[in-house]
Amino acid sequence: MTGGGFVANGPAGDFSGKITVPVVITCVVAASSGLIFGYDIGISGALNSRFQD
């Protein structure tokens, strides 16, 4: 099954969604949380490997 998992039933131009302020705030919060989580994992892993020697 190499065709992919998404199927469009109509033309791509019939979507009437808009980028609103709540959508932008949600995206910024999600991106910031991901950056903080990744930074935290990196620092914790580096410190943990240093103390195990």
PDB file of N, CA and C in Angstrom:
ATOM      1  N   MET A   1       0.850  -1.180   0.000  1.00  0.00           N
ATOM      2  CA  MET A   1       0.000   0.000   0.000  1.00  0.00           C
ATOM      3  C   MET A   1       0.891   1.237   0.000  1.00  0.00           C
ATOM      4  N   THR A   2       1.325   1.637  -1.165  1.00  0.00           N
ATOM      5  CA  THR A   2       2.256   2.754  -1.276  1.00  0.00           C
ATOM      6  C   THR A   2       1.573   4.066  -1.614  1.00  0.00           C
ATOM      7  N   GLY A   3       0.272   4.089  -1.628  1.00  0.00           N
ATOM      8  CA  GLY A   3      -0.446   5.290  -2.043  1.00  0.00           C
ATOM      9  C   GLY A   3      -0.554   6.351  -0.968  1.00  0.00           C
ATOM     10  N   GLY A   4      -0.343   6.024   0.272  1.00  0.00           N
ATOM     11  CA  GLY A   4      -0.491   6.996   1.347  1.00  0.00           C
ATOM     12  C   GLY A   4      -1.780   6.790   2.100  1.00  0.00           C
ATOM     13  N   GLY A   5      -1.967   7.539   3.168  1.00  0.00           N
ATOM     14  CA  GLY A   5      -3.124   7.342   4.018  1.00  0.00           C
ATOM     15  C   GLY A   5      -4.161   8.434   3.948  1.00  0.00           C
ATOM     16  N   PHE A   6      -3.972   9.444   3.107  1.00  0.00           N
ATOM     17  CA  PHE A   6      -4.908  10.553   3.043  1.00  0.00           C
ATOM     18  C   PHE A   6      -5.605  10.566   1.694  1.00  0.00           C
ATOM     19  N   VAL A   7      -6.910  10.801   1.712  1.00  0.00           N
ATOM     20  CA  VAL A   7      -7.681  10.831   0.482  1.00  0.00           C
ATOM     21  C   VAL A   7      -8.484  12.118   0.463  1.00  0.00           C
ATOM     22  N   ALA A   8      -8.406  12.850  -0.632  1.00  0.00           N
ATOM     23  CA  ALA A   8      -9.187  14.078  -0.790  1.00  0.00           C
ATOM     24  C   ALA A   8     -10.421  13.766  -1.627  1.00  0.00           C
ATOM     25  N   ASN A   9     -11.585  14.172  -1.132  1.00  0.00           N
ATOM     26  CA  ASN A   9     -12.827  13.910  -1.853  1.00  0.00           C
ATOM     27  C   ASN A   9     -13.248  15.060  -2.750  1.00  0.00           C
ATOM     28  N   GLY A  10     -12.586  16.176  -2.650  1.00  0.00           N
ATOM     29  CA  GLY A  10     -12.973  17.328  -3.451  1.00  0.00           C
ATOM     30  C   GLY A  10     -11.765  18.181  -3.760  1.00  0.00           C
ATOM     31  N   PRO A  11     -11.989  19.291  -4.408  1.00  0.00           N
ATOM     32  CA  PRO A  11     -10.871  20.180  -4.697  1.00  0.00           C
ATOM     33  C   PRO A  11     -10.292  20.793  -3.421  1.00  0.00           C
ATOM     34  N   ALA A  12      -9.026  21.156  -3.471  1.00  0.00           N
ATOM     35  CA  ALA A  12      -8.350  21.661  -2.280  1.00  0.00           C
ATOM     36  C   ALA A  12      -8.814  23.057  -1.907  1.00  0.00           C
ATOM     37  N   GLY A  13      -9.475  23.765  -2.784  1.00  0.00           N
ATOM     38  CA  GLY A  13      -9.868  25.139  -2.514  1.00  0.00           C
ATOM     39  C   GLY A  13     -11.160  25.293  -1.747  1.00  0.00           C
ATOM     40  N   ASP A  14     -11.845  24.223  -1.364  1.00  0.00           N
ATOM     41  CA  ASP A  14     -13.139  24.364  -0.701  1.00  0.00           C
ATOM     42  C   ASP A  14     -13.038  24.435   0.822  1.00  0.00           C
ATOM     43  N   PHE A  15     -11.841  24.552   1.364  1.00  0.00           N
ATOM     44  CA  PHE A  15     -11.668  24.660   2.813  1.00  0.00           C
ATOM     45  C   PHE A  15     -11.746  26.126   3.204  1.00  0.00           C
ATOM     46  N   SER A  16     -12.611  26.455   4.160  1.00  0.00           N
ATOM     47  CA  SER A  16     -12.818  27.861   4.519  1.00  0.00           C
ATOM     48  C   SER A  16     -12.252  28.198   5.890  1.00  0.00           C
ATOM     49  N   GLY A  17     -11.250  27.468   6.350  1.00  0.00           N
ATOM     50  CA  GLY A  17     -10.656  27.755   7.646  1.00  0.00           C
ATOM     51  C   GLY A  17      -9.803  29.016   7.609  1.00  0.00           C
ATOM     52  N   LYS A  18      -9.698  29.674   8.765  1.00  0.00           N
ATOM     53  CA  LYS A  18      -8.939  30.917   8.850  1.00  0.00           C
ATOM     54  C   LYS A  18      -7.924  30.812   9.977  1.00  0.00           C
ATOM     55  N   ILE A  19      -6.864  31.550   9.849  1.00  0.00           N
ATOM     56  CA  ILE A  19      -5.868  31.630  10.919  1.00  0.00           C
ATOM     57  C   ILE A  19      -6.307  32.747  11.854  1.00  0.00           C
ATOM     58  N   THR A  20      -6.720  32.352  13.052  1.00  0.00           N
ATOM     59  CA  THR A  20      -7.198  33.327  14.028  1.00  0.00           C
ATOM     60  C   THR A  20      -6.179  33.468  15.159  1.00  0.00           C
ATOM     61  N   VAL A  21      -6.419  34.418  16.030  1.00  0.00           N
ATOM     62  CA  VAL A  21      -5.507  34.657  17.148  1.00  0.00           C
ATOM     63  C   VAL A  21      -5.395  33.433  18.061  1.00  0.00           C
ATOM     64  N   PRO A  22      -6.489  32.762  18.426  1.00  0.00           N
ATOM     65  CA  PRO A  22      -6.334  31.563  19.257  1.00  0.00           C
ATOM     66  C   PRO A  22      -5.507  30.465  18.586  1.00  0.00           C
ATOM     67  N   VAL A  23      -5.625  30.345  17.261  1.00  0.00           N
ATOM     68  CA  VAL A  23      -4.837  29.338  16.549  1.00  0.00           C
ATOM     69  C   VAL A  23      -3.355  29.680  16.625  1.00  0.00           C
ATOM     70  N   VAL A  24      -3.008  30.935  16.431  1.00  0.00           N
ATOM     71  CA  VAL A  24      -1.611  31.372  16.496  1.00  0.00           C
ATOM     72  C   VAL A  24      -1.061  31.181  17.906  1.00  0.00           C
ATOM     73  N   ILE A  25      -1.827  31.536  18.920  1.00  0.00           N
ATOM     74  CA  ILE A  25      -1.372  31.373  20.310  1.00  0.00           C
ATOM     75  C   ILE A  25      -1.146  29.904  20.621  1.00  0.00           C
ATOM     76  N   THR A  26      -2.051  29.037  20.179  1.00  0.00           N
ATOM     77  CA  THR A  26      -1.891  27.601  20.405  1.00  0.00           C
ATOM     78  C   THR A  26      -0.627  27.077  19.739  1.00  0.00           C
ATOM     79  N   CYS A  27      -0.358  27.511  18.530  1.00  0.00           N
ATOM     80  CA  CYS A  27       0.849  27.072  17.822  1.00  0.00           C
ATOM     81  C   CYS A  27       2.116  27.557  18.515  1.00  0.00           C
ATOM     82  N   VAL A  28       2.122  28.788  18.990  1.00  0.00           N
ATOM     83  CA  VAL A  28       3.298  29.332  19.685  1.00  0.00           C
ATOM     84  C   VAL A  28       3.539  28.590  20.996  1.00  0.00           C
ATOM     85  N   VAL A  29       2.483  28.319  21.744  1.00  0.00           N
ATOM     86  CA  VAL A  29       2.627  27.590  23.008  1.00  0.00           C
ATOM     87  C   VAL A  29       3.124  26.170  22.755  1.00  0.00           C
ATOM     88  N   ALA A  30       2.589  25.510  21.747  1.00  0.00           N
ATOM     89  CA  ALA A  30       3.026  24.141  21.441  1.00  0.00           C
ATOM     90  C   ALA A  30       4.482  24.117  21.003  1.00  0.00           C
ATOM     91  N   ALA A  31       4.893  25.063  20.179  1.00  0.00           N
ATOM     92  CA  ALA A  31       6.286  25.114  19.726  1.00  0.00           C
ATOM     93  C   ALA A  31       7.225  25.428  20.887  1.00  0.00           C
ATOM     94  N   SER A  32       6.834  26.352  21.742  1.00  0.00           N
ATOM     95  CA  SER A  32       7.670  26.704  22.895  1.00  0.00           C
ATOM     96  C   SER A  32       7.805  25.521  23.851  1.00  0.00           C
ATOM     97  N   SER A  33       6.716  24.803  24.065  1.00  0.00           N
ATOM     98  CA  SER A  33       6.766  23.644  24.944  1.00  0.00           C
ATOM     99  C   SER A  33       7.688  22.575  24.386  1.00  0.00           C
ATOM    100  N   GLY A  34       7.647  22.362  23.089  1.00  0.00           N
ATOM    101  CA  GLY A  34       8.536  21.389  22.464  1.00  0.00           C
ATOM    102  C   GLY A  34       9.991  21.789  22.588  1.00  0.00           C
ATOM    103  N   LEU A  35      10.285  23.063  22.404  1.00  0.00           N
ATOM    104  CA  LEU A  35      11.665  23.531  22.549  1.00  0.00           C
ATOM    105  C   LEU A  35      12.166  23.370  23.983  1.00  0.00           C
ATOM    106  N   ILE A  36      11.334  23.725  24.948  1.00  0.00           N
ATOM    107  CA  ILE A  36      11.728  23.604  26.355  1.00  0.00           C
ATOM    108  C   ILE A  36      11.920  22.141  26.728  1.00  0.00           C
ATOM    109  N   PHE A  37      11.034  21.255  26.274  1.00  0.00           N
ATOM    110  CA  PHE A  37      11.150  19.833  26.569  1.00  0.00           C
ATOM    111  C   PHE A  37      12.425  19.263  25.962  1.00  0.00           C
ATOM    112  N   GLY A  38      12.725  19.613  24.719  1.00  0.00           N
ATOM    113  CA  GLY A  38      13.940  19.127  24.077  1.00  0.00           C
ATOM    114  C   GLY A  38      15.191  19.628  24.764  1.00  0.00           C
ATOM    115  N   TYR A  39      15.199  20.893  25.166  1.00  0.00           N
ATOM    116  CA  TYR A  39      16.346  21.454  25.873  1.00  0.00           C
ATOM    117  C   TYR A  39      16.535  20.747  27.215  1.00  0.00           C
ATOM    118  N   ASP A  40      15.434  20.518  27.914  1.00  0.00           N
ATOM    119  CA  ASP A  40      15.484  19.850  29.216  1.00  0.00           C
ATOM    120  C   ASP A  40      16.034  18.428  29.074  1.00  0.00           C
ATOM    121  N   ILE A  41      15.583  17.693  28.087  1.00  0.00           N
ATOM    122  CA  ILE A  41      16.075  16.329  27.872  1.00  0.00           C
ATOM    123  C   ILE A  41      17.564  16.344  27.548  1.00  0.00           C
ATOM    124  N   GLY A  42      17.989  17.301  26.731  1.00  0.00           N
ATOM    125  CA  GLY A  42      19.406  17.389  26.373  1.00  0.00           C
ATOM    126  C   GLY A  42      20.294  17.701  27.568  1.00  0.00           C
ATOM    127  N   ILE A  43      19.887  18.639  28.388  1.00  0.00           N
ATOM    128  CA  ILE A  43      20.673  19.004  29.569  1.00  0.00           C
ATOM    129  C   ILE A  43      20.677  17.872  30.576  1.00  0.00           C
ATOM    130  N   SER A  44      19.521  17.266  30.818  1.00  0.00           N
ATOM    131  CA  SER A  44      19.439  16.171  31.787  1.00  0.00           C
ATOM    132  C   SER A  44      20.287  14.975  31.329  1.00  0.00           C
ATOM    133  N   GLY A  45      20.242  14.670  30.043  1.00  0.00           N
ATOM    134  CA  GLY A  45      21.035  13.551  29.529  1.00  0.00           C
ATOM    135  C   GLY A  45      22.520  13.826  29.634  1.00  0.00           C
ATOM    136  N   ALA A  46      22.930  15.053  29.363  1.00  0.00           N
ATOM    137  CA  ALA A  46      24.358  15.395  29.452  1.00  0.00           C
ATOM    138  C   ALA A  46      24.839  15.334  30.894  1.00  0.00           C
ATOM    139  N   LEU A  47      24.057  15.846  31.818  1.00  0.00           N
ATOM    140  CA  LEU A  47      24.441  15.809  33.227  1.00  0.00           C
ATOM    141  C   LEU A  47      24.442  14.389  33.763  1.00  0.00           C
ATOM    142  N   ASN A  48      23.472  13.600  33.351  1.00  0.00           N
ATOM    143  CA  ASN A  48      23.364  12.232  33.828  1.00  0.00           C
ATOM    144  C   ASN A  48      24.571  11.403  33.350  1.00  0.00           C
ATOM    145  N   SER A  49      24.970  11.576  32.109  1.00  0.00           N
ATOM    146  CA  SER A  49      26.111  10.816  31.600  1.00  0.00           C
ATOM    147  C   SER A  49      27.410  11.268  32.263  1.00  0.00           C
ATOM    148  N   ARG A  50      27.481  12.508  32.668  1.00  0.00           N
ATOM    149  CA  ARG A  50      28.689  13.013  33.305  1.00  0.00           C
ATOM    150  C   ARG A  50      28.860  12.429  34.725  1.00  0.00           C
ATOM    151  N   PHE A  51      27.740  12.257  35.423  1.00  0.00           N
ATOM    152  CA  PHE A  51      27.817  11.758  36.801  1.00  0.00           C
ATOM    153  C   PHE A  51      27.920  10.240  36.873  1.00  0.00           C
ATOM    154  N   GLN A  52      27.684   9.518  35.778  1.00  0.00           N
ATOM    155  CA  GLN A  52      27.756   8.068  35.806  1.00  0.00           C
ATOM    156  C   GLN A  52      29.174   7.559  35.673  1.00  0.00           C
ATOM    157  N   ASP A  53      30.094   8.383  35.238  1.00  0.00           N
ATOM    158  CA  ASP A  53      31.485   7.926  35.057  1.00  0.00           C
ATOM    159  C   ASP A  53      32.175   7.682  36.366  1.00  0.00           C
TER     160      ASP A  53
END
